[in-house]
Amino acid sequence: MEISWLGHSCFRLRGRDAAIITDPCPKSTGYLIGRPTAAAVTVSHDHADHNNVSAVTGNPHVLKGPGEFEVSGVLVTGIRTYHDTEQGAELGKNIAYVMEIDDVRVCHLGDLGHVPTPEQVEELSGVDVLLIPVGGGTTIDAAAAAETISLIGPKLVIPMHYKTPAAKAELEPLDRFLKEVGAPDAQQESQPKLAVTKTTLPDQTKVVVLDYKGKDS
């Protein structure tokens, strides 16, 4: 499986049989994701910077809620969470998606706004790759992200939804999170995409920073 970060909370997950786009964002976020093709699109919540479904080509299945789905051989489970610490009273609900692609379990946390409850952690157990917001603002900040990672225990962590030269949102910079998790040099080792297989997963949790689409172009 190949993972590419298109910017904000938008990733392209490409497996042998299908590609999935998560939380497609409009150019108003500062990112230009182009016109990616996918079999499915996951939308964590119906805010304009996460639901630009019309940008995705290929007549994809659009997933917007909790439950179990299967698209082109990819099993997707939507798990109800919240966009704030008040069970959605301030910013609404959020869906975290666990996707099984090429025998690798990937979780996209969307705009998670709280540390997961024990029940949610149980639903997220066994995740290999965690795509997690770290920039604060309307999502968890560096400290809460670090706590969430320790609870879920993934093999690979890919941060998203933080301040970059392209980002228009008021978010915290990545280095705050990297210091919090003890990986200050990860940004210097950033890469444009990541190839992952079950056999190449590290034994201990590792943070990988991906360049967003269009960086330096």
Protein backbone atom coordinates (compact mmCIF):
# COMPACT_ATOMS: atom_id res chain seq x y z
CA MET A 1 0.00 0.00 0.00
CA GLU A 2 1.13 3.52 -0.78
CA ILE A 3 0.19 6.53 1.36
CA SER A 4 0.36 10.10 0.02
CA TRP A 5 -0.60 13.25 1.93
CA LEU A 6 -2.45 15.71 -0.29
CA GLY A 7 -2.69 18.34 2.47
CA HIS A 8 -4.79 19.28 5.51
CA SER A 9 -6.50 15.97 6.46
CA CYS A 10 -6.59 14.57 2.93
CA PHE A 11 -4.67 11.40 2.08
CA ARG A 12 -4.62 9.01 -0.85
CA LEU A 13 -4.33 5.40 0.23
CA ARG A 14 -3.57 3.20 -2.79
CA GLY A 15 -3.75 -0.57 -2.45
CA ARG A 16 -3.56 -3.40 -4.95
CA ASP A 17 -7.29 -3.35 -5.68
CA ALA A 18 -8.49 0.15 -4.83
CA ALA A 19 -7.60 3.68 -3.79
CA ILE A 20 -9.30 5.65 -1.01
CA ILE A 21 -9.31 9.42 -0.49
CA THR A 22 -9.85 10.77 3.03
CA ASP A 23 -11.41 14.16 3.86
CA PRO A 24 -10.86 15.88 0.47
CA CYS A 25 -10.22 19.59 1.01
CA PRO A 26 -10.93 22.62 -1.23
CA LYS A 27 -8.32 25.13 -2.38
CA SER A 28 -9.57 27.58 0.27
CA THR A 29 -7.53 25.55 2.78
CA GLY A 30 -4.37 26.50 0.88
CA TYR A 31 -3.89 23.03 -0.60
CA LEU A 32 -4.48 21.95 -4.19
CA ILE A 33 -5.32 18.25 -4.23
CA GLY A 34 -6.04 18.11 -7.97
CA ARG A 35 -8.56 15.57 -9.30
CA PRO A 36 -7.59 12.26 -7.67
CA THR A 37 -9.35 9.04 -8.63
CA ALA A 38 -10.63 6.67 -5.96
CA ALA A 39 -13.06 3.83 -5.33
CA ALA A 40 -14.18 5.41 -2.05
CA VAL A 41 -14.06 8.73 -0.20
CA THR A 42 -14.29 8.97 3.58
CA VAL A 43 -15.70 12.13 5.15
CA SER A 44 -15.08 12.49 8.88
CA HIS A 45 -17.53 15.37 9.31
CA ASP A 46 -19.53 17.63 7.04
CA HIS A 47 -17.44 20.81 7.24
CA ALA A 48 -16.36 22.52 4.03
CA ASP A 49 -12.63 21.92 4.53
CA HIS A 50 -13.15 18.15 4.79
CA ASN A 51 -16.00 17.24 2.42
CA ASN A 52 -14.90 18.41 -1.05
CA VAL A 53 -16.16 15.14 -2.54
CA SER A 54 -16.72 16.66 -6.00
CA ALA A 55 -12.94 16.92 -6.46
CA VAL A 56 -12.61 13.12 -6.51
CA THR A 57 -13.12 11.32 -9.80
CA GLY A 58 -13.99 7.70 -10.58
CA ASN A 59 -17.59 7.77 -9.27
CA PRO A 60 -16.44 6.86 -5.75
CA HIS A 61 -18.56 5.51 -2.92
CA VAL A 62 -18.90 8.29 -0.33
CA LEU A 63 -18.76 7.14 3.29
CA LYS A 64 -20.04 9.60 5.88
CA GLY A 65 -21.05 7.70 8.97
CA PRO A 66 -20.45 4.91 11.45
CA GLY A 67 -20.78 1.26 10.48
CA GLU A 68 -19.05 -1.37 8.37
CA PHE A 69 -18.61 -1.01 4.63
CA GLU A 70 -16.83 -2.93 1.90
CA VAL A 71 -15.68 -1.17 -1.25
CA SER A 72 -13.66 -2.96 -3.95
CA GLY A 73 -12.40 -5.51 -1.44
CA VAL A 74 -11.46 -2.90 1.18
CA LEU A 75 -13.19 -3.24 4.55
CA VAL A 76 -13.93 0.16 6.13
CA THR A 77 -15.27 0.66 9.65
CA GLY A 78 -16.60 4.04 10.72
CA ILE A 79 -16.34 4.74 14.47
CA ARG A 80 -18.31 7.56 16.12
CA THR A 81 -16.16 10.13 17.93
CA TYR A 82 -16.49 13.88 18.52
CA HIS A 83 -15.06 17.12 17.17
CA ASP A 84 -14.69 18.59 20.67
CA THR A 85 -14.37 17.62 24.34
CA GLU A 86 -18.10 18.12 24.98
CA GLN A 87 -19.42 15.09 23.07
CA GLY A 88 -20.12 17.18 20.00
CA ALA A 89 -22.03 19.97 21.77
CA GLU A 90 -19.67 22.65 20.41
CA LEU A 91 -18.43 21.45 17.00
CA GLY A 92 -20.45 18.33 16.28
CA LYS A 93 -19.66 14.68 15.70
CA ASN A 94 -16.66 13.12 13.97
CA ILE A 95 -16.06 9.74 12.36
CA ALA A 96 -12.77 7.88 12.64
CA TYR A 97 -12.30 5.32 9.86
CA VAL A 98 -10.35 2.07 10.09
CA MET A 99 -9.48 0.66 6.66
CA GLU A 100 -7.96 -2.73 5.92
CA ILE A 101 -5.85 -2.34 2.78
CA ASP A 102 -3.42 -5.04 1.64
CA ASP A 103 -3.51 -6.64 5.13
CA VAL A 104 -2.55 -3.31 6.76
CA ARG A 105 -4.99 -1.60 9.15
CA VAL A 106 -4.99 2.18 8.65
CA CYS A 107 -6.94 4.57 10.86
CA HIS A 108 -7.81 8.12 9.82
CA LEU A 109 -8.97 10.07 12.88
CA GLY A 110 -10.51 12.98 10.98
CA ASP A 111 -11.01 16.08 13.14
CA LEU A 112 -10.85 14.24 16.44
CA GLY A 113 -11.31 16.78 19.21
CA HIS A 114 -10.73 14.66 22.31
CA VAL A 115 -8.66 11.81 23.68
CA PRO A 116 -10.55 8.59 22.80
CA THR A 117 -12.59 6.87 25.49
CA PRO A 118 -11.70 3.32 26.58
CA GLU A 119 -14.57 2.02 24.44
CA GLN A 120 -13.31 3.89 21.38
CA VAL A 121 -9.74 2.72 22.02
CA GLU A 122 -11.02 -0.86 22.01
CA GLU A 123 -12.69 -0.28 18.64
CA LEU A 124 -9.40 1.17 17.33
CA SER A 125 -7.27 -1.69 18.61
CA GLY A 126 -4.91 -3.41 16.20
CA VAL A 127 -4.30 -0.32 14.05
CA ASP A 128 -0.98 -0.47 12.18
CA VAL A 129 -0.91 3.07 10.73
CA LEU A 130 -2.47 6.06 12.48
CA LEU A 131 -3.24 9.28 10.58
CA ILE A 132 -3.69 11.81 13.39
CA PRO A 133 -4.39 15.55 13.70
CA VAL A 134 -1.77 17.29 15.83
CA GLY A 135 -2.22 21.04 15.25
CA GLY A 136 -4.76 21.95 17.93
CA GLY A 137 -7.36 24.59 17.16
CA THR A 138 -10.51 22.60 16.37
CA THR A 139 -8.73 19.26 16.91
CA ILE A 140 -6.49 17.65 19.52
CA ASP A 141 -3.18 19.39 20.17
CA ALA A 142 0.30 17.92 20.51
CA ALA A 143 -0.16 16.67 24.08
CA ALA A 144 -3.54 15.06 23.40
CA ALA A 145 -2.20 13.52 20.19
CA ALA A 146 0.70 11.98 22.11
CA GLU A 147 -1.73 10.54 24.67
CA THR A 148 -3.95 9.18 21.91
CA ILE A 149 -0.98 7.46 20.26
CA SER A 150 0.03 5.83 23.54
CA LEU A 151 -3.51 4.50 24.01
CA ILE A 152 -3.92 3.09 20.49
CA GLY A 153 -0.35 1.83 20.08
CA PRO A 154 0.09 1.93 16.29
CA LYS A 155 3.26 0.88 14.49
CA LEU A 156 3.42 3.98 12.29
CA VAL A 157 2.13 7.49 13.02
CA ILE A 158 1.62 10.07 10.27
CA PRO A 159 0.70 13.56 11.53
CA MET A 160 -1.78 15.81 9.68
CA HIS A 161 -3.80 18.98 10.18
CA TYR A 162 -0.95 21.23 11.35
CA LYS A 163 0.57 24.52 10.25
CA THR A 164 2.50 24.50 6.96
CA PRO A 165 3.52 27.31 4.56
CA ALA A 166 0.46 26.42 2.48
CA ALA A 167 -2.12 26.11 5.27
CA LYS A 168 -4.67 28.88 5.73
CA ALA A 169 -6.03 27.59 9.04
CA GLU A 170 -4.66 28.80 12.36
CA LEU A 171 -2.87 25.67 13.56
CA GLU A 172 0.14 24.81 15.68
CA PRO A 173 3.42 23.90 13.91
CA LEU A 174 4.55 20.30 13.55
CA ASP A 175 7.67 20.65 15.70
CA ARG A 176 5.53 21.06 18.82
CA PHE A 177 4.10 17.58 18.29
CA LEU A 178 7.43 16.03 17.33
CA LYS A 179 9.01 17.29 20.56
CA GLU A 180 6.05 15.96 22.54
CA VAL A 181 6.53 12.43 21.16
CA GLY A 182 10.33 12.50 21.28
CA ALA A 183 10.88 12.53 17.51
CA PRO A 184 12.36 16.02 16.88
CA ASP A 185 14.30 14.92 13.78
CA ALA A 186 11.39 13.30 11.94
CA GLN A 187 10.63 16.44 9.92
CA GLN A 188 14.14 16.46 8.47
CA GLU A 189 13.52 12.95 7.17
CA SER A 190 10.19 13.78 5.49
CA GLN A 191 9.30 12.00 2.26
CA PRO A 192 6.75 12.48 -0.53
CA LYS A 193 5.00 9.13 -0.02
CA LEU A 194 5.24 6.00 2.05
CA ALA A 195 5.05 2.39 0.92
CA VAL A 196 3.80 0.06 3.66
CA THR A 197 3.40 -3.70 3.88
CA LYS A 198 2.60 -5.91 6.84
CA THR A 199 6.16 -7.23 6.85
CA THR A 200 7.84 -3.80 6.79
CA LEU A 201 6.00 -2.38 9.82
CA PRO A 202 8.42 -1.43 12.61
CA ASP A 203 8.45 -3.25 15.95
CA GLN A 204 8.05 -0.01 17.91
CA THR A 205 5.94 3.06 17.17
CA LYS A 206 7.61 5.32 14.60
CA VAL A 207 6.59 8.80 13.41
CA VAL A 208 6.79 9.42 9.66
CA VAL A 209 6.33 12.93 8.23
CA LEU A 210 4.99 13.17 4.68
CA ASP A 211 5.37 16.14 2.36
CA TYR A 212 2.05 17.49 1.14
CA LYS A 213 1.15 17.46 -2.53
CA GLY A 214 2.66 20.40 -4.38
CA LYS A 215 5.31 21.18 -1.78
CA ASP A 216 8.22 23.08 -3.34
CA SER A 217 6.60 22.85 -6.78
